[in-house]
């Protein structure tokens, strides 16, 4: 796929998402945030998960993983924390994304996973707590423009107003050949044998509350907890 076609696909994909929700950061804002981030060095960037289905990573997962790698390669981030439990499918979203990042050349030594989050609000809330437990202080959220805007207010009010936000810049992302790069992972290492879909465990209204940050478990990552796993 050519760079022009790749850019078109990203604009169409996220444009539709933004229109559907009426709340995506503009590309002008995204570019400004990237420019500002280029003068910073974050201890860790938090990349929210996306369901892994049919043994493939979709366009949105590709975008988040590649954007995280890009920021690491540019020296904007020292470490990457992927966040996401096994929510709608039996693989831990965070571990799947970590495997793809490793396959793309990101050193395992700078990759961390957070495996308890089941909603976007929980991705940044729990990752912030785990990052602090690991000694990371300067933190940024790295994701698409839609999720970035959705979480902006929540981050300010409930997490930490000092957390940076670095959403996708479409034309930059299209230059990374996101659509054409092929990598293989052994996804069995990210499989959760105790998986039960959130649709079976929780009612629609409880899941809806979760998307608004109303189901946060304050016991997670309390007193330095790291899920019994420092990575």
C-alpha atoms as a PDB file:
ATOM      1  CA  UNK A   1       0.000   0.000   0.000  1.00  0.00           C
ATOM      2  CA  UNK A   2       1.342   3.439  -0.912  1.00  0.00           C
ATOM      3  CA  UNK A   3       1.816   6.130   1.688  1.00  0.00           C
ATOM      4  CA  UNK A   4      -1.033   8.125   0.134  1.00  0.00           C
ATOM      5  CA  UNK A   5      -3.425   5.182   0.252  1.00  0.00           C
ATOM      6  CA  UNK A   6      -2.302   4.293   3.769  1.00  0.00           C
ATOM      7  CA  UNK A   7      -2.999   7.818   4.985  1.00  0.00           C
ATOM      8  CA  UNK A   8      -6.423   7.736   3.320  1.00  0.00           C
ATOM      9  CA  UNK A   9      -7.332   4.505   5.109  1.00  0.00           C
ATOM     10  CA  UNK A  10      -6.296   5.878   8.508  1.00  0.00           C
ATOM     11  CA  UNK A  11      -8.226   9.104   7.966  1.00  0.00           C
ATOM     12  CA  UNK A  12     -11.349   7.221   6.882  1.00  0.00           C
ATOM     13  CA  UNK A  13     -11.113   4.677   9.726  1.00  0.00           C
ATOM     14  CA  UNK A  14     -10.638   7.139  12.550  1.00  0.00           C
ATOM     15  CA  UNK A  15     -12.784   9.777  10.901  1.00  0.00           C
ATOM     16  CA  UNK A  16     -15.736   7.401  11.064  1.00  0.00           C
ATOM     17  CA  UNK A  17     -14.988   6.586  14.696  1.00  0.00           C
ATOM     18  CA  UNK A  18     -14.764  10.261  15.547  1.00  0.00           C
ATOM     19  CA  UNK A  19     -17.992  11.103  13.743  1.00  0.00           C
ATOM     20  CA  UNK A  20     -19.801   8.238  15.445  1.00  0.00           C
ATOM     21  CA  UNK A  21     -18.842   9.503  18.868  1.00  0.00           C
ATOM     22  CA  UNK A  22     -18.536  13.189  18.003  1.00  0.00           C
ATOM     23  CA  UNK A  23     -15.447  13.396  20.177  1.00  0.00           C
ATOM     24  CA  UNK A  24     -12.066  12.865  18.560  1.00  0.00           C
ATOM     25  CA  UNK A  25      -9.133  15.231  18.941  1.00  0.00           C
ATOM     26  CA  UNK A  26      -8.472  17.202  15.771  1.00  0.00           C
ATOM     27  CA  UNK A  27      -5.301  16.479  13.837  1.00  0.00           C
ATOM     28  CA  UNK A  28      -4.094  20.020  14.507  1.00  0.00           C
ATOM     29  CA  UNK A  29      -4.327  19.302  18.230  1.00  0.00           C
ATOM     30  CA  UNK A  30      -2.635  15.917  17.777  1.00  0.00           C
ATOM     31  CA  UNK A  31       0.268  17.520  15.901  1.00  0.00           C
ATOM     32  CA  UNK A  32       0.667  20.165  18.595  1.00  0.00           C
ATOM     33  CA  UNK A  33       0.764  17.493  21.294  1.00  0.00           C
ATOM     34  CA  UNK A  34       3.373  15.512  19.342  1.00  0.00           C
ATOM     35  CA  UNK A  35       5.545  18.598  18.880  1.00  0.00           C
ATOM     36  CA  UNK A  36       5.310  19.308  22.610  1.00  0.00           C
ATOM     37  CA  UNK A  37       6.155  15.679  23.423  1.00  0.00           C
ATOM     38  CA  UNK A  38       9.293  15.820  21.283  1.00  0.00           C
ATOM     39  CA  UNK A  39      10.901  18.063  23.888  1.00  0.00           C
ATOM     40  CA  UNK A  40      10.027  15.627  26.690  1.00  0.00           C
ATOM     41  CA  UNK A  41      11.308  12.234  27.818  1.00  0.00           C
ATOM     42  CA  UNK A  42       8.674  10.093  29.512  1.00  0.00           C
ATOM     43  CA  UNK A  43       9.641   7.350  31.937  1.00  0.00           C
ATOM     44  CA  UNK A  44       6.824   5.245  30.514  1.00  0.00           C
ATOM     45  CA  UNK A  45       3.998   5.579  28.017  1.00  0.00           C
ATOM     46  CA  UNK A  46       0.714   3.739  28.575  1.00  0.00           C
ATOM     47  CA  UNK A  47      -0.843   2.072  25.524  1.00  0.00           C
ATOM     48  CA  UNK A  48      -4.421   0.789  26.077  1.00  0.00           C
ATOM     49  CA  UNK A  49      -5.368  -2.642  24.786  1.00  0.00           C
ATOM     50  CA  UNK A  50      -7.798  -3.748  22.116  1.00  0.00           C
ATOM     51  CA  UNK A  51      -9.424  -7.204  21.780  1.00  0.00           C
ATOM     52  CA  UNK A  52      -7.406  -9.821  19.888  1.00  0.00           C
ATOM     53  CA  UNK A  53      -9.805 -11.823  17.753  1.00  0.00           C
ATOM     54  CA  UNK A  54      -9.450 -14.520  15.089  1.00  0.00           C
ATOM     55  CA  UNK A  55      -5.702 -14.695  15.628  1.00  0.00           C
ATOM     56  CA  UNK A  56      -5.111 -11.300  14.008  1.00  0.00           C
ATOM     57  CA  UNK A  57      -4.318  -7.774  15.130  1.00  0.00           C
ATOM     58  CA  UNK A  58      -6.700  -5.271  13.568  1.00  0.00           C
ATOM     59  CA  UNK A  59      -5.943  -1.775  12.300  1.00  0.00           C
ATOM     60  CA  UNK A  60      -6.549  -0.133  15.658  1.00  0.00           C
ATOM     61  CA  UNK A  61      -4.213  -2.483  17.530  1.00  0.00           C
ATOM     62  CA  UNK A  62      -1.582  -2.037  14.833  1.00  0.00           C
ATOM     63  CA  UNK A  63      -1.867   1.714  15.152  1.00  0.00           C
ATOM     64  CA  UNK A  64      -1.452   1.726  18.918  1.00  0.00           C
ATOM     65  CA  UNK A  65       1.525  -0.659  18.891  1.00  0.00           C
ATOM     66  CA  UNK A  66       3.294   1.149  16.045  1.00  0.00           C
ATOM     67  CA  UNK A  67       2.673   4.559  17.621  1.00  0.00           C
ATOM     68  CA  UNK A  68       4.135   3.364  20.896  1.00  0.00           C
ATOM     69  CA  UNK A  69       7.174   1.969  19.079  1.00  0.00           C
ATOM     70  CA  UNK A  70       7.589   5.201  17.126  1.00  0.00           C
ATOM     71  CA  UNK A  71       7.680   7.267  20.311  1.00  0.00           C
ATOM     72  CA  UNK A  72      10.161   4.839  21.873  1.00  0.00           C
ATOM     73  CA  UNK A  73      12.377   4.929  18.774  1.00  0.00           C
ATOM     74  CA  UNK A  74      12.318   8.736  18.834  1.00  0.00           C
ATOM     75  CA  UNK A  75      13.508   8.777  22.435  1.00  0.00           C
ATOM     76  CA  UNK A  76      10.276  10.330  23.686  1.00  0.00           C
ATOM     77  CA  UNK A  77       9.589   7.276  25.853  1.00  0.00           C
ATOM     78  CA  UNK A  78      12.021   5.160  27.856  1.00  0.00           C
ATOM     79  CA  UNK A  79       9.538   2.341  28.466  1.00  0.00           C
ATOM     80  CA  UNK A  80       6.166   1.133  27.166  1.00  0.00           C
ATOM     81  CA  UNK A  81       3.354  -0.291  29.289  1.00  0.00           C
ATOM     82  CA  UNK A  82       0.580  -2.090  27.425  1.00  0.00           C
ATOM     83  CA  UNK A  83      -2.642  -2.337  29.413  1.00  0.00           C
ATOM     84  CA  UNK A  84      -5.562  -4.724  29.066  1.00  0.00           C
ATOM     85  CA  UNK A  85      -7.008  -7.906  30.516  1.00  0.00           C
ATOM     86  CA  UNK A  86      -8.717 -10.759  28.643  1.00  0.00           C
ATOM     87  CA  UNK A  87     -12.048  -8.992  28.318  1.00  0.00           C
ATOM     88  CA  UNK A  88     -13.953 -10.049  25.211  1.00  0.00           C
ATOM     89  CA  UNK A  89     -11.544 -12.711  23.977  1.00  0.00           C
ATOM     90  CA  UNK A  90      -9.381 -15.255  25.865  1.00  0.00           C
ATOM     91  CA  UNK A  91      -6.024 -13.561  25.275  1.00  0.00           C
ATOM     92  CA  UNK A  92      -4.657 -10.810  27.496  1.00  0.00           C
ATOM     93  CA  UNK A  93      -4.765  -7.719  25.290  1.00  0.00           C
ATOM     94  CA  UNK A  94      -1.681  -6.232  26.929  1.00  0.00           C
ATOM     95  CA  UNK A  95       0.388  -9.383  26.489  1.00  0.00           C
ATOM     96  CA  UNK A  96      -0.619  -9.755  22.836  1.00  0.00           C
ATOM     97  CA  UNK A  97       0.411  -6.174  22.113  1.00  0.00           C
ATOM     98  CA  UNK A  98       3.665  -6.682  23.992  1.00  0.00           C
ATOM     99  CA  UNK A  99       4.409  -9.708  21.794  1.00  0.00           C
ATOM    100  CA  UNK A 100       3.811  -7.654  18.645  1.00  0.00           C
ATOM    101  CA  UNK A 101       6.016  -4.857  19.948  1.00  0.00           C
ATOM    102  CA  UNK A 102       8.806  -7.363  20.615  1.00  0.00           C
ATOM    103  CA  UNK A 103       8.360  -8.807  17.121  1.00  0.00           C
ATOM    104  CA  UNK A 104       8.755  -5.283  15.718  1.00  0.00           C
ATOM    105  CA  UNK A 105      12.056  -4.856  17.532  1.00  0.00           C
ATOM    106  CA  UNK A 106      11.180  -3.156  20.812  1.00  0.00           C
ATOM    107  CA  UNK A 107      13.472  -4.638  23.510  1.00  0.00           C
ATOM    108  CA  UNK A 108      11.702  -6.851  26.024  1.00  0.00           C
ATOM    109  CA  UNK A 109      13.565  -5.021  28.792  1.00  0.00           C
ATOM    110  CA  UNK A 110      11.538  -1.830  28.203  1.00  0.00           C
ATOM    111  CA  UNK A 111       8.114  -3.484  27.822  1.00  0.00           C
ATOM    112  CA  UNK A 112       5.669  -3.817  30.716  1.00  0.00           C
ATOM    113  CA  UNK A 113       2.124  -5.143  30.877  1.00  0.00           C
ATOM    114  CA  UNK A 114      -0.865  -4.287  33.052  1.00  0.00           C
ATOM    115  CA  UNK A 115      -3.363  -7.175  32.988  1.00  0.00           C
ATOM    116  CA  UNK A 116      -6.284  -6.040  35.172  1.00  0.00           C
ATOM    117  CA  UNK A 117      -7.913  -3.241  33.161  1.00  0.00           C
ATOM    118  CA  UNK A 118     -11.188  -4.067  31.420  1.00  0.00           C
ATOM    119  CA  UNK A 119     -12.188  -0.552  30.310  1.00  0.00           C
ATOM    120  CA  UNK A 120     -10.391   2.473  28.872  1.00  0.00           C
ATOM    121  CA  UNK A 121     -10.656   4.377  32.144  1.00  0.00           C
ATOM    122  CA  UNK A 122      -9.110   1.432  33.961  1.00  0.00           C
ATOM    123  CA  UNK A 123      -6.261   1.256  31.422  1.00  0.00           C
ATOM    124  CA  UNK A 124      -4.861   4.591  32.493  1.00  0.00           C
ATOM    125  CA  UNK A 125      -5.968   4.403  36.146  1.00  0.00           C
ATOM    126  CA  UNK A 126      -4.375   1.032  36.904  1.00  0.00           C
ATOM    127  CA  UNK A 127      -1.352   1.629  34.672  1.00  0.00           C
ATOM    128  CA  UNK A 128      -0.630   4.888  36.468  1.00  0.00           C
ATOM    129  CA  UNK A 129      -0.712   3.085  39.806  1.00  0.00           C
ATOM    130  CA  UNK A 130       1.490   0.239  38.577  1.00  0.00           C
ATOM    131  CA  UNK A 131       3.903   2.676  36.919  1.00  0.00           C
ATOM    132  CA  UNK A 132       4.291   4.557  40.195  1.00  0.00           C
ATOM    133  CA  UNK A 133       4.918   1.265  42.000  1.00  0.00           C
ATOM    134  CA  UNK A 134       7.702   0.586  39.505  1.00  0.00           C
ATOM    135  CA  UNK A 135       9.246   3.981  40.199  1.00  0.00           C
ATOM    136  CA  UNK A 136       8.111   5.685  36.993  1.00  0.00           C
ATOM    137  CA  UNK A 137       7.084   9.297  37.523  1.00  0.00           C
ATOM    138  CA  UNK A 138       6.736  10.957  34.123  1.00  0.00           C
ATOM    139  CA  UNK A 139       3.887   9.203  32.317  1.00  0.00           C
ATOM    140  CA  UNK A 140       1.917   9.725  29.100  1.00  0.00           C
ATOM    141  CA  UNK A 141      -1.133   8.106  27.522  1.00  0.00           C
ATOM    142  CA  UNK A 142      -0.556   6.986  23.941  1.00  0.00           C
ATOM    143  CA  UNK A 143      -3.555   6.039  21.820  1.00  0.00           C
ATOM    144  CA  UNK A 144      -5.889   7.134  19.011  1.00  0.00           C
ATOM    145  CA  UNK A 145      -7.477  10.623  18.870  1.00  0.00           C
ATOM    146  CA  UNK A 146     -10.923   9.320  19.854  1.00  0.00           C
ATOM    147  CA  UNK A 147      -9.802   7.548  23.028  1.00  0.00           C
ATOM    148  CA  UNK A 148      -7.429  10.411  23.848  1.00  0.00           C
ATOM    149  CA  UNK A 149     -10.253  12.930  23.983  1.00  0.00           C
ATOM    150  CA  UNK A 150     -12.556  10.512  25.780  1.00  0.00           C
ATOM    151  CA  UNK A 151     -10.013  10.043  28.591  1.00  0.00           C
ATOM    152  CA  UNK A 152      -8.695  13.595  28.849  1.00  0.00           C
ATOM    153  CA  UNK A 153     -11.197  14.788  31.460  1.00  0.00           C
ATOM    154  CA  UNK A 154     -11.037  11.523  33.417  1.00  0.00           C
ATOM    155  CA  UNK A 155      -7.243  11.761  33.626  1.00  0.00           C
ATOM    156  CA  UNK A 156      -7.421  15.327  34.942  1.00  0.00           C
ATOM    157  CA  UNK A 157     -10.097  14.632  37.525  1.00  0.00           C
ATOM    158  CA  UNK A 158      -9.375  11.075  38.666  1.00  0.00           C
ATOM    159  CA  UNK A 159      -5.781  10.162  37.853  1.00  0.00           C
ATOM    160  CA  UNK A 160      -3.108  12.870  37.534  1.00  0.00           C
ATOM    161  CA  UNK A 161      -3.305  16.147  35.562  1.00  0.00           C
ATOM    162  CA  UNK A 162       0.443  15.880  34.910  1.00  0.00           C
ATOM    163  CA  UNK A 163      -0.036  12.819  32.678  1.00  0.00           C
ATOM    164  CA  UNK A 164       0.769  13.660  29.058  1.00  0.00           C
ATOM    165  CA  UNK A 165      -1.403  12.659  26.107  1.00  0.00           C
ATOM    166  CA  UNK A 166       0.150  11.802  22.729  1.00  0.00           C
ATOM    167  CA  UNK A 167      -2.508  10.752  20.187  1.00  0.00           C
ATOM    168  CA  UNK A 168      -1.924   9.443  16.657  1.00  0.00           C
ATOM    169  CA  UNK A 169      -0.873  11.856  13.948  1.00  0.00           C
ATOM    170  CA  UNK A 170      -2.265  10.202  10.822  1.00  0.00           C
ATOM    171  CA  UNK A 171       0.289  11.341   8.261  1.00  0.00           C
ATOM    172  CA  UNK A 172       3.169  10.344  10.547  1.00  0.00           C
ATOM    173  CA  UNK A 173       1.555   6.980  11.302  1.00  0.00           C
ATOM    174  CA  UNK A 174       1.021   6.272   7.599  1.00  0.00           C
ATOM    175  CA  UNK A 175       4.763   6.641   6.969  1.00  0.00           C
ATOM    176  CA  UNK A 176       5.463   3.716   9.328  1.00  0.00           C
ATOM    177  CA  UNK A 177       4.013   1.160   6.872  1.00  0.00           C
ATOM    178  CA  UNK A 178       1.571   0.005   9.521  1.00  0.00           C
ATOM    179  CA  UNK A 179      -0.662  -1.742   6.984  1.00  0.00           C
ATOM    180  CA  UNK A 180       2.030  -3.699   5.169  1.00  0.00           C
ATOM    181  CA  UNK A 181       4.411  -4.915   7.900  1.00  0.00           C
ATOM    182  CA  UNK A 182       3.866  -8.606   8.665  1.00  0.00           C
ATOM    183  CA  UNK A 183       5.064 -10.157  11.911  1.00  0.00           C
ATOM    184  CA  UNK A 184       4.306 -13.453  13.634  1.00  0.00           C
ATOM    185  CA  UNK A 185       3.775 -14.076  17.333  1.00  0.00           C
ATOM    186  CA  UNK A 186       3.133 -17.137  19.496  1.00  0.00           C
ATOM    187  CA  UNK A 187      -0.163 -16.020  20.975  1.00  0.00           C
ATOM    188  CA  UNK A 188      -0.512 -19.051  23.256  1.00  0.00           C
ATOM    189  CA  UNK A 189       1.791 -17.318  25.748  1.00  0.00           C
ATOM    190  CA  UNK A 190      -0.867 -14.616  26.193  1.00  0.00           C
ATOM    191  CA  UNK A 191      -3.781 -17.031  26.640  1.00  0.00           C
ATOM    192  CA  UNK A 192      -5.901 -16.912  29.803  1.00  0.00           C
ATOM    193  CA  UNK A 193      -7.146 -20.447  30.621  1.00  0.00           C
ATOM    194  CA  UNK A 194      -9.660 -19.033  33.116  1.00  0.00           C
ATOM    195  CA  UNK A 195     -11.252 -16.653  30.618  1.00  0.00           C
ATOM    196  CA  UNK A 196     -14.937 -15.785  30.878  1.00  0.00           C
ATOM    197  CA  UNK A 197     -16.218 -13.013  28.612  1.00  0.00           C
ATOM    198  CA  UNK A 198     -17.176  -9.797  30.354  1.00  0.00           C
ATOM    199  CA  UNK A 199     -20.546 -10.093  28.597  1.00  0.00           C
ATOM    200  CA  UNK A 200     -21.224 -13.210  30.656  1.00  0.00           C
ATOM    201  CA  UNK A 201     -19.829 -11.815  33.895  1.00  0.00           C
ATOM    202  CA  UNK A 202     -21.404  -8.369  33.892  1.00  0.00           C
ATOM    203  CA  UNK A 203     -24.671  -6.757  32.844  1.00  0.00           C
ATOM    204  CA  UNK A 204     -24.748  -4.107  30.133  1.00  0.00           C
ATOM    205  CA  UNK A 205     -25.248  -1.380  32.722  1.00  0.00           C
ATOM    206  CA  UNK A 206     -22.316  -2.502  34.839  1.00  0.00           C
ATOM    207  CA  UNK A 207     -20.123  -2.534  31.727  1.00  0.00           C
ATOM    208  CA  UNK A 208     -21.395   0.934  30.865  1.00  0.00           C
ATOM    209  CA  UNK A 209     -20.467   2.150  34.339  1.00  0.00           C
ATOM    210  CA  UNK A 210     -17.040   0.639  33.796  1.00  0.00           C
ATOM    211  CA  UNK A 211     -16.465   2.734  30.677  1.00  0.00           C
ATOM    212  CA  UNK A 212     -17.123   5.810  32.834  1.00  0.00           C
ATOM    213  CA  UNK A 213     -14.655   4.752  35.515  1.00  0.00           C
ATOM    214  CA  UNK A 214     -17.315   3.740  38.025  1.00  0.00           C
ATOM    215  CA  UNK A 215     -16.051   0.185  38.645  1.00  0.00           C
ATOM    216  CA  UNK A 216     -12.503   0.969  39.753  1.00  0.00           C
ATOM    217  CA  UNK A 217     -11.038  -1.493  42.234  1.00  0.00           C
ATOM    218  CA  UNK A 218      -8.988   0.527  44.684  1.00  0.00           C
ATOM    219  CA  UNK A 219      -7.290  -2.598  46.037  1.00  0.00           C
ATOM    220  CA  UNK A 220      -5.436  -3.156  42.760  1.00  0.00           C
ATOM    221  CA  UNK A 221      -1.766  -2.104  42.942  1.00  0.00           C
ATOM    222  CA  UNK A 222      -2.188  -1.087  46.563  1.00  0.00           C
ATOM    223  CA  UNK A 223       0.907  -1.050  48.779  1.00  0.00           C
ATOM    224  CA  UNK A 224       3.298  -1.590  45.875  1.00  0.00           C
ATOM    225  CA  UNK A 225       1.461  -4.572  44.363  1.00  0.00           C
ATOM    226  CA  UNK A 226       2.717  -5.602  40.900  1.00  0.00           C
ATOM    227  CA  UNK A 227       0.376  -8.546  40.131  1.00  0.00           C
ATOM    228  CA  UNK A 228       3.129 -10.738  41.602  1.00  0.00           C
ATOM    229  CA  UNK A 229       5.056  -9.963  38.424  1.00  0.00           C
ATOM    230  CA  UNK A 230       7.388  -6.992  38.028  1.00  0.00           C
ATOM    231  CA  UNK A 231       6.817  -6.944  34.280  1.00  0.00           C
END
